[in-house]
Amino acid sequence: MVITYSTYEAKSKFSEVIRRVREGDTVTVSYRGTPVAEIRPIQKAPQTIEERMEELERQGALTRAKNPRFPRKIGKHVPGALQRFLEDRNRF
């Protein structure tokens, strides 16, 4: 449903316009019958994985391991079996 207010109406009923936007509606403001502006809810920025995990921890839906078995990033330090596999693979 398109909700349209003239500039005069939008100014005089600004609280109502904001209430509708907070409820998720998009409001169009027109000037002399021509749409000139659109007021809509702000889209939340996508969460990073770390932010999502922290949110789930706060909600009690996630408990992180105290001693993870694998490092987060594999760089120069590579776990033993993986290191041997890579070395063996590179010999051929």
Foldseek 3Di string as FASTA:
>chain_A
DEAEDEPVRCVVPVVVQVVCQVVFDKYFYHYPPHTDDIDHHDDDDDDDPVVVQVVCVVVVNDDDDPDDPDDPDDDVDDDDVVVVVVVVVVVD
